[in-house]
Amino acid sequence: MGNSLNNIGIVHHDKRNYDTALDYFNRSLAIAEELGNKSGMGYMLYNIGNACFNKGDLGKALDYFERSLKICEELGDKSGMGFSLTGIGGGGYSAKGDYVKALDYLEKSLSIQKEIGLGGELPLWTNTSLYISYKHLGRDYDEKEIHNLIKETEYIEFELNFRLYQLLEDTSYLETAYNQIQESTNAMEDDLKSKFLSYPIPKAIVEEWE
């Protein structure tokens, strides 16, 4: 039951219907808590944090990512730790402009990713968030590494394309992010479209491009 609720939540999240996704994620979390399923709790707390981040509620996102990290550390779940650390550093502190605090979490996440070979979009997310923090703090960073990771990443979401634009100052990433948003909104009902475009990241992308 809990897994089914989570899977439905993921479908709604992928459709950018974050409020409905949160409802399913919270119901799945309640079942995991009732069963004492710590692994499920850690996973669901991360998913809730991610949905809160996408809505622009960075304070709530940070709280859920931190709760997820605590459980993953208790379980020795290094994959979960990698995701939660990036959530805290990138989706929490770096996104809020607290770049010094972000560094420790992002560097720890990268260390774990290298240790266990985590792939997908996570290494690019983590490095991009780390280098944005470096950039704001006046530190040097390896742009070539970012371009290598871009080549290795199969699909890049609009949120990350926008972060890449902020880091590299290359408008092709902004254009891609804008086109991805248009593609998403074309499939939405008017109410959801209006709500989605009011969230900070889609709103910033549209305003920057137009």
N, C-alpha and C. Protein backbone atom coordinates (compact mmCIF):
# COMPACT_ATOMS: atom_id res chain seq x y z
N MET A 1 0.83 -1.21 0.00
CA MET A 1 0.00 0.00 0.00
C MET A 1 0.87 1.26 0.00
N GLY A 2 1.87 1.27 0.92
CA GLY A 2 2.76 2.42 1.00
C GLY A 2 3.51 2.66 -0.29
N ASN A 3 4.01 1.56 -0.89
CA ASN A 3 4.75 1.68 -2.16
C ASN A 3 3.85 2.19 -3.28
N SER A 4 2.61 1.69 -3.30
CA SER A 4 1.67 2.12 -4.34
C SER A 4 1.38 3.61 -4.22
N LEU A 5 1.19 4.08 -2.98
CA LEU A 5 0.94 5.51 -2.76
C LEU A 5 2.13 6.34 -3.21
N ASN A 6 3.34 5.84 -2.89
CA ASN A 6 4.55 6.55 -3.31
C ASN A 6 4.65 6.62 -4.82
N ASN A 7 4.36 5.50 -5.48
CA ASN A 7 4.45 5.46 -6.95
C ASN A 7 3.46 6.42 -7.60
N ILE A 8 2.25 6.50 -7.03
CA ILE A 8 1.25 7.45 -7.55
C ILE A 8 1.76 8.88 -7.33
N GLY A 9 2.36 9.10 -6.16
CA GLY A 9 2.93 10.42 -5.86
C GLY A 9 4.00 10.82 -6.86
N ILE A 10 4.84 9.86 -7.24
CA ILE A 10 5.91 10.14 -8.21
C ILE A 10 5.32 10.52 -9.57
N VAL A 11 4.25 9.83 -9.97
CA VAL A 11 3.59 10.15 -11.25
C VAL A 11 3.09 11.60 -11.22
N HIS A 12 2.44 11.99 -10.12
CA HIS A 12 1.94 13.37 -10.02
C HIS A 12 3.09 14.37 -9.95
N HIS A 13 4.17 13.99 -9.26
CA HIS A 13 5.33 14.88 -9.17
C HIS A 13 5.93 15.11 -10.56
N ASP A 14 6.04 14.04 -11.33
CA ASP A 14 6.59 14.17 -12.68
C ASP A 14 5.71 15.02 -13.59
N LYS A 15 4.41 15.07 -13.26
CA LYS A 15 3.48 15.93 -14.01
C LYS A 15 3.44 17.35 -13.45
N ARG A 16 4.31 17.61 -12.47
CA ARG A 16 4.46 18.93 -11.82
C ARG A 16 3.26 19.30 -10.95
N ASN A 17 2.47 18.27 -10.58
CA ASN A 17 1.35 18.50 -9.67
C ASN A 17 1.84 18.22 -8.25
N TYR A 18 2.60 19.15 -7.71
CA TYR A 18 3.33 18.92 -6.47
C TYR A 18 2.42 18.77 -5.25
N ASP A 19 1.31 19.50 -5.21
CA ASP A 19 0.41 19.39 -4.05
C ASP A 19 -0.20 18.00 -3.95
N THR A 20 -0.66 17.47 -5.07
CA THR A 20 -1.22 16.12 -5.07
C THR A 20 -0.14 15.10 -4.76
N ALA A 21 1.06 15.30 -5.31
CA ALA A 21 2.19 14.40 -5.01
C ALA A 21 2.47 14.39 -3.52
N LEU A 22 2.48 15.56 -2.90
CA LEU A 22 2.74 15.64 -1.45
C LEU A 22 1.70 14.89 -0.64
N ASP A 23 0.46 14.94 -1.07
CA ASP A 23 -0.60 14.21 -0.38
C ASP A 23 -0.29 12.71 -0.37
N TYR A 24 0.08 12.17 -1.52
CA TYR A 24 0.40 10.74 -1.61
C TYR A 24 1.69 10.41 -0.86
N PHE A 25 2.69 11.26 -0.96
CA PHE A 25 3.95 11.01 -0.25
C PHE A 25 3.72 11.00 1.27
N ASN A 26 2.92 11.92 1.76
CA ASN A 26 2.64 11.98 3.20
C ASN A 26 1.86 10.77 3.68
N ARG A 27 0.92 10.30 2.86
CA ARG A 27 0.17 9.09 3.22
C ARG A 27 1.09 7.87 3.22
N SER A 28 2.01 7.81 2.26
CA SER A 28 2.98 6.72 2.22
C SER A 28 3.92 6.78 3.43
N LEU A 29 4.33 7.99 3.80
CA LEU A 29 5.19 8.17 4.98
C LEU A 29 4.49 7.70 6.24
N ALA A 30 3.20 8.02 6.39
CA ALA A 30 2.44 7.62 7.58
C ALA A 30 2.41 6.10 7.71
N ILE A 31 2.27 5.39 6.59
CA ILE A 31 2.25 3.93 6.61
C ILE A 31 3.63 3.40 6.99
N ALA A 32 4.68 3.97 6.42
CA ALA A 32 6.05 3.55 6.76
C ALA A 32 6.32 3.75 8.25
N GLU A 33 5.85 4.86 8.81
CA GLU A 33 6.04 5.14 10.24
C GLU A 33 5.27 4.14 11.09
N GLU A 34 4.05 3.83 10.66
CA GLU A 34 3.21 2.87 11.39
C GLU A 34 3.85 1.49 11.42
N LEU A 35 4.49 1.11 10.32
CA LEU A 35 5.13 -0.20 10.22
C LEU A 35 6.54 -0.22 10.79
N GLY A 36 7.06 0.95 11.15
CA GLY A 36 8.44 1.04 11.62
C GLY A 36 9.45 0.78 10.52
N ASN A 37 9.05 1.09 9.28
CA ASN A 37 9.90 0.87 8.11
C ASN A 37 10.83 2.08 7.93
N LYS A 38 11.99 2.01 8.57
CA LYS A 38 12.90 3.16 8.57
C LYS A 38 13.41 3.49 7.17
N SER A 39 13.71 2.46 6.39
CA SER A 39 14.20 2.70 5.04
C SER A 39 13.15 3.45 4.22
N GLY A 40 11.90 3.01 4.32
CA GLY A 40 10.81 3.68 3.63
C GLY A 40 10.62 5.10 4.11
N MET A 41 10.79 5.30 5.42
CA MET A 41 10.65 6.65 5.99
C MET A 41 11.71 7.59 5.42
N GLY A 42 12.96 7.11 5.35
CA GLY A 42 14.04 7.95 4.82
C GLY A 42 13.78 8.34 3.38
N TYR A 43 13.30 7.37 2.60
CA TYR A 43 13.02 7.61 1.17
C TYR A 43 11.87 8.60 1.00
N MET A 44 10.80 8.40 1.80
CA MET A 44 9.64 9.28 1.67
C MET A 44 9.95 10.70 2.13
N LEU A 45 10.72 10.83 3.20
CA LEU A 45 11.10 12.16 3.68
C LEU A 45 11.88 12.92 2.61
N TYR A 46 12.74 12.19 1.89
CA TYR A 46 13.48 12.82 0.79
C TYR A 46 12.52 13.28 -0.32
N ASN A 47 11.57 12.40 -0.69
CA ASN A 47 10.62 12.76 -1.75
C ASN A 47 9.79 13.99 -1.38
N ILE A 48 9.37 14.04 -0.10
CA ILE A 48 8.60 15.20 0.36
C ILE A 48 9.47 16.46 0.30
N GLY A 49 10.72 16.33 0.72
CA GLY A 49 11.64 17.47 0.65
C GLY A 49 11.83 17.96 -0.77
N ASN A 50 11.92 17.02 -1.70
CA ASN A 50 12.11 17.38 -3.11
C ASN A 50 10.90 18.14 -3.65
N ALA A 51 9.70 17.67 -3.30
CA ALA A 51 8.48 18.35 -3.74
C ALA A 51 8.39 19.75 -3.14
N CYS A 52 8.77 19.87 -1.86
CA CYS A 52 8.77 21.20 -1.21
C CYS A 52 9.76 22.14 -1.89
N PHE A 53 10.94 21.59 -2.25
CA PHE A 53 11.93 22.40 -2.97
C PHE A 53 11.36 22.91 -4.29
N ASN A 54 10.71 22.02 -5.03
CA ASN A 54 10.16 22.41 -6.33
C ASN A 54 9.05 23.44 -6.21
N LYS A 55 8.37 23.46 -5.05
CA LYS A 55 7.34 24.48 -4.81
C LYS A 55 7.96 25.80 -4.33
N GLY A 56 9.25 25.76 -3.99
CA GLY A 56 9.92 26.96 -3.51
C GLY A 56 9.88 27.12 -2.01
N ASP A 57 9.41 26.09 -1.30
CA ASP A 57 9.35 26.14 0.17
C ASP A 57 10.65 25.57 0.72
N LEU A 58 11.71 26.39 0.68
CA LEU A 58 13.06 25.91 0.99
C LEU A 58 13.23 25.54 2.45
N GLY A 59 12.55 26.24 3.35
CA GLY A 59 12.65 25.92 4.77
C GLY A 59 12.12 24.53 5.06
N LYS A 60 10.95 24.21 4.52
CA LYS A 60 10.37 22.88 4.71
C LYS A 60 11.23 21.82 4.03
N ALA A 61 11.71 22.13 2.83
CA ALA A 61 12.55 21.18 2.09
C ALA A 61 13.78 20.82 2.92
N LEU A 62 14.42 21.81 3.48
CA LEU A 62 15.62 21.59 4.29
C LEU A 62 15.31 20.69 5.48
N ASP A 63 14.19 20.94 6.14
CA ASP A 63 13.79 20.14 7.30
C ASP A 63 13.60 18.68 6.91
N TYR A 64 12.91 18.41 5.81
CA TYR A 64 12.68 17.03 5.39
C TYR A 64 13.96 16.35 4.92
N PHE A 65 14.81 17.07 4.20
CA PHE A 65 16.10 16.50 3.78
C PHE A 65 16.95 16.13 5.00
N GLU A 66 16.94 16.98 6.01
CA GLU A 66 17.73 16.70 7.23
C GLU A 66 17.18 15.49 7.97
N ARG A 67 15.86 15.36 8.04
CA ARG A 67 15.25 14.19 8.68
C ARG A 67 15.57 12.92 7.91
N SER A 68 15.55 13.02 6.59
CA SER A 68 15.91 11.88 5.74
C SER A 68 17.36 11.48 5.97
N LEU A 69 18.25 12.46 6.03
CA LEU A 69 19.68 12.18 6.24
C LEU A 69 19.90 11.46 7.56
N LYS A 70 19.23 11.91 8.61
CA LYS A 70 19.40 11.31 9.93
C LYS A 70 19.06 9.82 9.90
N ILE A 71 17.96 9.48 9.25
CA ILE A 71 17.55 8.07 9.16
C ILE A 71 18.54 7.28 8.30
N CYS A 72 18.95 7.85 7.17
CA CYS A 72 19.90 7.16 6.29
C CYS A 72 21.23 6.91 7.00
N GLU A 73 21.66 7.85 7.82
CA GLU A 73 22.90 7.67 8.60
C GLU A 73 22.73 6.55 9.61
N GLU A 74 21.58 6.49 10.27
CA GLU A 74 21.30 5.42 11.25
C GLU A 74 21.34 4.05 10.59
N LEU A 75 20.84 3.97 9.35
CA LEU A 75 20.77 2.70 8.63
C LEU A 75 22.06 2.37 7.88
N GLY A 76 22.97 3.35 7.78
CA GLY A 76 24.17 3.16 6.96
C GLY A 76 23.85 3.11 5.48
N ASP A 77 22.75 3.77 5.09
CA ASP A 77 22.30 3.80 3.70
C ASP A 77 23.06 4.91 2.96
N LYS A 78 24.16 4.53 2.33
CA LYS A 78 25.03 5.54 1.72
C LYS A 78 24.41 6.19 0.49
N SER A 79 23.63 5.42 -0.27
CA SER A 79 22.95 6.01 -1.42
C SER A 79 21.97 7.09 -0.95
N GLY A 80 21.17 6.75 0.05
CA GLY A 80 20.23 7.72 0.61
C GLY A 80 20.94 8.93 1.19
N MET A 81 22.09 8.69 1.83
CA MET A 81 22.88 9.80 2.38
C MET A 81 23.34 10.74 1.27
N GLY A 82 23.79 10.16 0.15
CA GLY A 82 24.25 10.98 -0.98
C GLY A 82 23.17 11.91 -1.48
N PHE A 83 21.96 11.35 -1.65
CA PHE A 83 20.84 12.17 -2.13
C PHE A 83 20.45 13.23 -1.11
N SER A 84 20.36 12.83 0.16
CA SER A 84 19.92 13.78 1.20
C SER A 84 20.94 14.90 1.41
N LEU A 85 22.22 14.56 1.37
CA LEU A 85 23.26 15.58 1.52
C LEU A 85 23.20 16.61 0.38
N THR A 86 22.96 16.12 -0.84
CA THR A 86 22.81 17.05 -1.96
C THR A 86 21.55 17.89 -1.79
N GLY A 87 20.48 17.26 -1.29
CA GLY A 87 19.26 18.01 -1.02
C GLY A 87 19.49 19.15 -0.04
N ILE A 88 20.20 18.84 1.05
CA ILE A 88 20.48 19.85 2.08
C ILE A 88 21.38 20.95 1.52
N GLY A 89 22.46 20.54 0.85
CA GLY A 89 23.43 21.51 0.36
C GLY A 89 22.95 22.30 -0.85
N GLY A 90 22.31 21.59 -1.81
CA GLY A 90 21.90 22.23 -3.06
C GLY A 90 20.49 22.78 -3.02
N GLY A 91 19.55 21.93 -2.56
CA GLY A 91 18.15 22.34 -2.51
C GLY A 91 17.82 23.17 -1.30
N GLY A 92 18.72 23.15 -0.31
CA GLY A 92 18.51 23.94 0.90
C GLY A 92 19.41 25.15 0.95
N TYR A 93 20.64 24.94 1.43
CA TYR A 93 21.51 26.09 1.71
C TYR A 93 21.95 26.87 0.48
N SER A 94 22.38 26.19 -0.58
CA SER A 94 22.84 26.91 -1.78
C SER A 94 21.69 27.69 -2.41
N ALA A 95 20.51 27.05 -2.49
CA ALA A 95 19.35 27.73 -3.07
C ALA A 95 18.93 28.94 -2.25
N LYS A 96 19.18 28.88 -0.93
CA LYS A 96 18.84 30.01 -0.05
C LYS A 96 19.92 31.08 -0.03
N GLY A 97 21.06 30.80 -0.69
CA GLY A 97 22.15 31.76 -0.72
C GLY A 97 23.12 31.63 0.43
N ASP A 98 23.00 30.54 1.21
CA ASP A 98 23.92 30.29 2.33
C ASP A 98 25.03 29.37 1.82
N TYR A 99 25.93 29.95 1.01
CA TYR A 99 26.89 29.17 0.23
C TYR A 99 27.95 28.50 1.09
N VAL A 100 28.36 29.13 2.17
CA VAL A 100 29.39 28.54 3.04
C VAL A 100 28.87 27.25 3.67
N LYS A 101 27.63 27.29 4.18
CA LYS A 101 27.04 26.10 4.79
C LYS A 101 26.84 24.99 3.76
N ALA A 102 26.52 25.39 2.53
CA ALA A 102 26.25 24.40 1.48
C ALA A 102 27.48 23.54 1.18
N LEU A 103 28.67 24.13 1.26
CA LEU A 103 29.89 23.44 0.83
C LEU A 103 30.10 22.10 1.51
N ASP A 104 29.98 22.07 2.83
CA ASP A 104 30.27 20.86 3.59
C ASP A 104 29.37 19.71 3.16
N TYR A 105 28.08 19.98 3.01
CA TYR A 105 27.13 18.93 2.64
C TYR A 105 27.37 18.44 1.21
N LEU A 106 27.64 19.36 0.31
CA LEU A 106 27.85 18.98 -1.09
C LEU A 106 29.14 18.20 -1.26
N GLU A 107 30.19 18.61 -0.56
CA GLU A 107 31.47 17.89 -0.64
C GLU A 107 31.35 16.49 -0.04
N LYS A 108 30.60 16.36 1.06
CA LYS A 108 30.37 15.04 1.66
C LYS A 108 29.58 14.15 0.70
N SER A 109 28.59 14.73 0.03
CA SER A 109 27.80 13.96 -0.93
C SER A 109 28.67 13.45 -2.07
N LEU A 110 29.52 14.31 -2.60
CA LEU A 110 30.41 13.91 -3.70
C LEU A 110 31.34 12.79 -3.28
N SER A 111 31.83 12.87 -2.05
CA SER A 111 32.71 11.83 -1.53
C SER A 111 32.00 10.48 -1.50
N ILE A 112 30.75 10.47 -1.04
CA ILE A 112 29.96 9.23 -0.99
C ILE A 112 29.66 8.74 -2.41
N GLN A 113 29.30 9.65 -3.30
CA GLN A 113 29.00 9.27 -4.68
C GLN A 113 30.18 8.57 -5.34
N LYS A 114 31.38 9.10 -5.11
CA LYS A 114 32.58 8.49 -5.68
C LYS A 114 32.86 7.14 -5.05
N GLU A 115 32.59 7.04 -3.75
CA GLU A 115 32.85 5.79 -3.02
C GLU A 115 31.97 4.65 -3.51
N ILE A 116 30.68 4.92 -3.76
CA ILE A 116 29.76 3.83 -4.11
C ILE A 116 29.32 3.87 -5.58
N GLY A 117 29.80 4.87 -6.34
CA GLY A 117 29.51 4.91 -7.77
C GLY A 117 28.10 5.34 -8.12
N LEU A 118 27.57 6.31 -7.39
CA LEU A 118 26.23 6.83 -7.71
C LEU A 118 26.27 7.59 -9.03
N GLY A 119 25.31 7.30 -9.90
CA GLY A 119 25.27 7.96 -11.21
C GLY A 119 23.99 8.73 -11.42
N GLY A 120 23.55 8.78 -12.68
CA GLY A 120 22.33 9.53 -13.02
C GLY A 120 22.57 11.02 -12.97
N GLU A 121 21.53 11.76 -12.60
CA GLU A 121 21.59 13.22 -12.59
C GLU A 121 22.27 13.76 -11.34
N LEU A 122 22.40 12.91 -10.30
CA LEU A 122 22.89 13.39 -9.00
C LEU A 122 24.29 14.01 -9.04
N PRO A 123 25.29 13.38 -9.68
CA PRO A 123 26.62 14.01 -9.69
C PRO A 123 26.62 15.40 -10.34
N LEU A 124 25.83 15.56 -11.41
CA LEU A 124 25.76 16.87 -12.07
C LEU A 124 25.06 17.89 -11.18
N TRP A 125 23.98 17.47 -10.52
CA TRP A 125 23.28 18.36 -9.57
C TRP A 125 24.23 18.83 -8.49
N THR A 126 24.95 17.86 -7.91
CA THR A 126 25.81 18.17 -6.76
C THR A 126 26.95 19.09 -7.17
N ASN A 127 27.63 18.75 -8.26
CA ASN A 127 28.75 19.58 -8.71
C ASN A 127 28.30 20.97 -9.13
N THR A 128 27.15 21.05 -9.80
CA THR A 128 26.64 22.36 -10.22
C THR A 128 26.34 23.23 -9.00
N SER A 129 25.67 22.64 -8.01
CA SER A 129 25.36 23.39 -6.78
C SER A 129 26.64 23.80 -6.05
N LEU A 130 27.61 22.90 -6.02
CA LEU A 130 28.89 23.19 -5.36
C LEU A 130 29.61 24.34 -6.07
N TYR A 131 29.64 24.27 -7.39
CA TYR A 131 30.38 25.29 -8.15
C TYR A 131 29.66 26.64 -8.14
N ILE A 132 28.33 26.63 -8.06
CA ILE A 132 27.61 27.89 -7.89
C ILE A 132 28.00 28.52 -6.56
N SER A 133 28.14 27.68 -5.54
CA SER A 133 28.58 28.19 -4.23
C SER A 133 30.00 28.74 -4.33
N TYR A 134 30.89 27.99 -5.00
CA TYR A 134 32.26 28.48 -5.22
C TYR A 134 32.25 29.83 -5.94
N LYS A 135 31.43 29.90 -6.99
CA LYS A 135 31.36 31.12 -7.81
C LYS A 135 30.97 32.33 -6.96
N HIS A 136 29.97 32.16 -6.12
CA HIS A 136 29.51 33.26 -5.27
C HIS A 136 30.52 33.61 -4.18
N LEU A 137 31.35 32.63 -3.82
CA LEU A 137 32.37 32.87 -2.79
C LEU A 137 33.71 33.29 -3.39
N GLY A 138 33.75 33.45 -4.72
CA GLY A 138 34.97 33.91 -5.39
C GLY A 138 36.05 32.86 -5.51
N ARG A 139 35.65 31.57 -5.47
CA ARG A 139 36.63 30.48 -5.59
C ARG A 139 36.66 29.96 -7.03
N ASP A 140 37.78 29.35 -7.38
CA ASP A 140 37.92 28.74 -8.71
C ASP A 140 37.15 27.42 -8.76
N TYR A 141 36.68 27.05 -9.94
CA TYR A 141 36.01 25.76 -10.12
C TYR A 141 36.32 25.25 -11.52
N ASP A 142 36.13 23.94 -11.71
CA ASP A 142 36.52 23.26 -12.94
C ASP A 142 35.33 23.18 -13.90
N GLU A 143 35.25 24.13 -14.81
CA GLU A 143 34.14 24.17 -15.77
C GLU A 143 34.16 22.94 -16.68
N LYS A 144 35.35 22.44 -16.97
CA LYS A 144 35.49 21.27 -17.85
C LYS A 144 34.79 20.05 -17.24
N GLU A 145 34.90 19.92 -15.91
CA GLU A 145 34.25 18.79 -15.24
C GLU A 145 32.74 18.85 -15.41
N ILE A 146 32.18 20.05 -15.34
CA ILE A 146 30.73 20.21 -15.53
C ILE A 146 30.34 19.77 -16.94
N HIS A 147 31.11 20.19 -17.94
CA HIS A 147 30.79 19.81 -19.33
C HIS A 147 30.91 18.29 -19.52
N ASN A 148 31.87 17.67 -18.87
CA ASN A 148 32.00 16.21 -18.94
C ASN A 148 30.79 15.52 -18.32
N LEU A 149 30.34 16.03 -17.18
CA LEU A 149 29.17 15.45 -16.50
C LEU A 149 27.90 15.65 -17.33
N ILE A 150 27.80 16.80 -18.01
CA ILE A 150 26.64 17.05 -18.87
C ILE A 150 26.57 15.98 -19.96
N LYS A 151 27.71 15.65 -20.55
CA LYS A 151 27.76 14.62 -21.60
C LYS A 151 27.36 13.25 -21.07
N GLU A 152 27.67 12.99 -19.80
CA GLU A 152 27.39 11.68 -19.20
C GLU A 152 25.96 11.55 -18.68
N THR A 153 25.24 12.67 -18.57
CA THR A 153 23.90 12.65 -17.98
C THR A 153 22.86 12.50 -19.08
N GLU A 154 22.05 11.44 -18.97
CA GLU A 154 21.11 11.08 -20.04
C GLU A 154 20.03 12.15 -20.23
N TYR A 155 19.44 12.62 -19.13
CA TYR A 155 18.38 13.63 -19.23
C TYR A 155 18.56 14.65 -18.11
N ILE A 156 18.42 15.92 -18.45
CA ILE A 156 18.59 17.00 -17.48
C ILE A 156 17.27 17.75 -17.34
N GLU A 157 16.73 17.78 -16.12
CA GLU A 157 15.46 18.46 -15.85
C GLU A 157 15.62 19.98 -15.98
N PHE A 158 14.48 20.67 -16.11
CA PHE A 158 14.53 22.12 -16.32
C PHE A 158 15.16 22.86 -15.14
N GLU A 159 14.94 22.34 -13.91
CA GLU A 159 15.53 23.00 -12.74
C GLU A 159 17.05 23.01 -12.83
N LEU A 160 17.61 21.88 -13.26
CA LEU A 160 19.07 21.78 -13.35
C LEU A 160 19.60 22.56 -14.55
N ASN A 161 18.86 22.57 -15.65
CA ASN A 161 19.28 23.40 -16.79
C ASN A 161 19.36 24.87 -16.39
N PHE A 162 18.43 25.31 -15.54
CA PHE A 162 18.46 26.69 -15.08
C PHE A 162 19.68 26.94 -14.19
N ARG A 163 20.00 25.97 -13.34
CA ARG A 163 21.19 26.09 -12.49
C ARG A 163 22.46 26.13 -13.35
N LEU A 164 22.48 25.34 -14.42
CA LEU A 164 23.63 25.34 -15.33
C LEU A 164 23.77 26.70 -16.01
N TYR A 165 22.65 27.29 -16.38
CA TYR A 165 22.66 28.64 -16.96
C TYR A 165 23.24 29.63 -15.95
N GLN A 166 22.82 29.51 -14.68
CA GLN A 166 23.32 30.43 -13.65
C GLN A 166 24.82 30.26 -13.44
N LEU A 167 25.29 29.02 -13.54
CA LEU A 167 26.72 28.75 -13.33
C LEU A 167 27.55 29.17 -14.54
N LEU A 168 27.16 28.70 -15.72
CA LEU A 168 27.98 28.85 -16.93
C LEU A 168 27.68 30.12 -17.72
N GLU A 169 26.54 30.75 -17.41
CA GLU A 169 26.10 31.96 -18.11
C GLU A 169 25.98 31.71 -19.62
N ASP A 170 25.49 30.52 -19.95
CA ASP A 170 25.27 30.10 -21.33
C ASP A 170 23.76 30.03 -21.55
N THR A 171 23.23 30.92 -22.40
CA THR A 171 21.78 31.01 -22.56
C THR A 171 21.14 29.78 -23.22
N SER A 172 21.95 28.90 -23.78
CA SER A 172 21.37 27.69 -24.38
C SER A 172 20.70 26.83 -23.31
N TYR A 173 21.24 26.85 -22.09
CA TYR A 173 20.63 26.09 -20.99
C TYR A 173 19.33 26.75 -20.53
N LEU A 174 19.30 28.06 -20.54
CA LEU A 174 18.07 28.79 -20.21
C LEU A 174 17.00 28.50 -21.25
N GLU A 175 17.39 28.50 -22.51
CA GLU A 175 16.44 28.22 -23.59
C GLU A 175 15.86 26.82 -23.46
N THR A 176 16.73 25.85 -23.17
CA THR A 176 16.27 24.47 -22.98
C THR A 176 15.30 24.38 -21.82
N ALA A 177 15.63 25.03 -20.71
CA ALA A 177 14.76 25.02 -19.53
C ALA A 177 13.40 25.63 -19.87
N TYR A 178 13.42 26.74 -20.60
CA TYR A 178 12.18 27.41 -21.00
C TYR A 178 11.33 26.49 -21.89
N ASN A 179 11.96 25.84 -22.84
CA ASN A 179 11.23 24.93 -23.74
C ASN A 179 10.66 23.74 -22.98
N GLN A 180 11.40 23.25 -21.98
CA GLN A 180 10.90 22.14 -21.17
C GLN A 180 9.65 22.56 -20.38
N ILE A 181 9.67 23.79 -19.88
CA ILE A 181 8.52 24.31 -19.15
C ILE A 181 7.31 24.43 -20.08
N GLN A 182 7.53 24.94 -21.29
CA GLN A 182 6.43 25.06 -22.25
C GLN A 182 5.85 23.70 -22.58
N GLU A 183 6.71 22.71 -22.74
CA GLU A 183 6.26 21.35 -23.04
C GLU A 183 5.42 20.80 -21.88
N SER A 184 5.87 21.05 -20.65
CA SER A 184 5.12 20.59 -19.48
C SER A 184 3.76 21.26 -19.38
N THR A 185 3.73 22.58 -19.57
CA THR A 185 2.48 23.32 -19.39
C THR A 185 1.47 23.03 -20.50
N ASN A 186 1.95 22.61 -21.67
CA ASN A 186 1.03 22.27 -22.77
C ASN A 186 0.11 21.11 -22.40
N ALA A 187 0.56 20.26 -21.48
CA ALA A 187 -0.23 19.09 -21.09
C ALA A 187 -1.05 19.34 -19.83
N MET A 188 -1.04 20.56 -19.31
CA MET A 188 -1.70 20.86 -18.03
C MET A 188 -3.05 21.54 -18.23
N GLU A 189 -3.95 21.27 -17.27
CA GLU A 189 -5.18 22.06 -17.17
C GLU A 189 -4.80 23.48 -16.72
N ASP A 190 -5.68 24.43 -16.99
CA ASP A 190 -5.36 25.84 -16.71
C ASP A 190 -5.01 26.11 -15.25
N ASP A 191 -5.75 25.49 -14.32
CA ASP A 191 -5.51 25.73 -12.89
C ASP A 191 -4.11 25.28 -12.48
N LEU A 192 -3.73 24.07 -12.92
CA LEU A 192 -2.41 23.54 -12.59
C LEU A 192 -1.32 24.36 -13.28
N LYS A 193 -1.56 24.74 -14.52
CA LYS A 193 -0.59 25.55 -15.27
C LYS A 193 -0.31 26.86 -14.54
N SER A 194 -1.35 27.52 -14.10
CA SER A 194 -1.21 28.79 -13.39
C SER A 194 -0.42 28.62 -12.10
N LYS A 195 -0.74 27.55 -11.37
CA LYS A 195 -0.05 27.28 -10.11
C LYS A 195 1.43 26.97 -10.36
N PHE A 196 1.69 26.10 -11.34
CA PHE A 196 3.06 25.70 -11.67
C PHE A 196 3.92 26.90 -12.05
N LEU A 197 3.36 27.78 -12.88
CA LEU A 197 4.13 28.94 -13.34
C LEU A 197 4.32 30.00 -12.26
N SER A 198 3.63 29.83 -11.13
CA SER A 198 3.81 30.76 -10.01
C SER A 198 4.94 30.33 -9.08
N TYR A 199 5.41 29.07 -9.23
CA TYR A 199 6.50 28.59 -8.38
C TYR A 199 7.80 29.29 -8.77
N PRO A 200 8.70 29.50 -7.81
CA PRO A 200 9.89 30.35 -8.05
C PRO A 200 10.76 29.96 -9.24
N ILE A 201 11.05 28.67 -9.41
CA ILE A 201 11.97 28.29 -10.49
C ILE A 201 11.34 28.47 -11.87
N PRO A 202 10.15 27.89 -12.14
CA PRO A 202 9.53 28.14 -13.46
C PRO A 202 9.31 29.63 -13.72
N LYS A 203 8.88 30.35 -12.69
CA LYS A 203 8.63 31.79 -12.84
C LYS A 203 9.91 32.53 -13.23
N ALA A 204 11.02 32.20 -12.57
CA ALA A 204 12.30 32.86 -12.86
C ALA A 204 12.78 32.54 -14.27
N ILE A 205 12.58 31.29 -14.70
CA ILE A 205 13.01 30.89 -16.05
C ILE A 205 12.24 31.66 -17.11
N VAL A 206 10.92 31.71 -16.96
CA VAL A 206 10.08 32.41 -17.93
C VAL A 206 10.43 33.90 -17.97
N GLU A 207 10.57 34.50 -16.81
CA GLU A 207 10.90 35.94 -16.75
C GLU A 207 12.27 36.23 -17.36
N GLU A 208 13.23 35.34 -17.10
CA GLU A 208 14.59 35.55 -17.62
C GLU A 208 14.64 35.40 -19.13
N TRP A 209 13.87 34.43 -19.66
CA TRP A 209 13.92 34.17 -21.10
C TRP A 209 13.09 35.18 -21.89
N GLU A 210 11.92 35.54 -21.36
CA GLU A 210 11.03 36.42 -22.12
C GLU A 210 11.40 37.89 -21.93
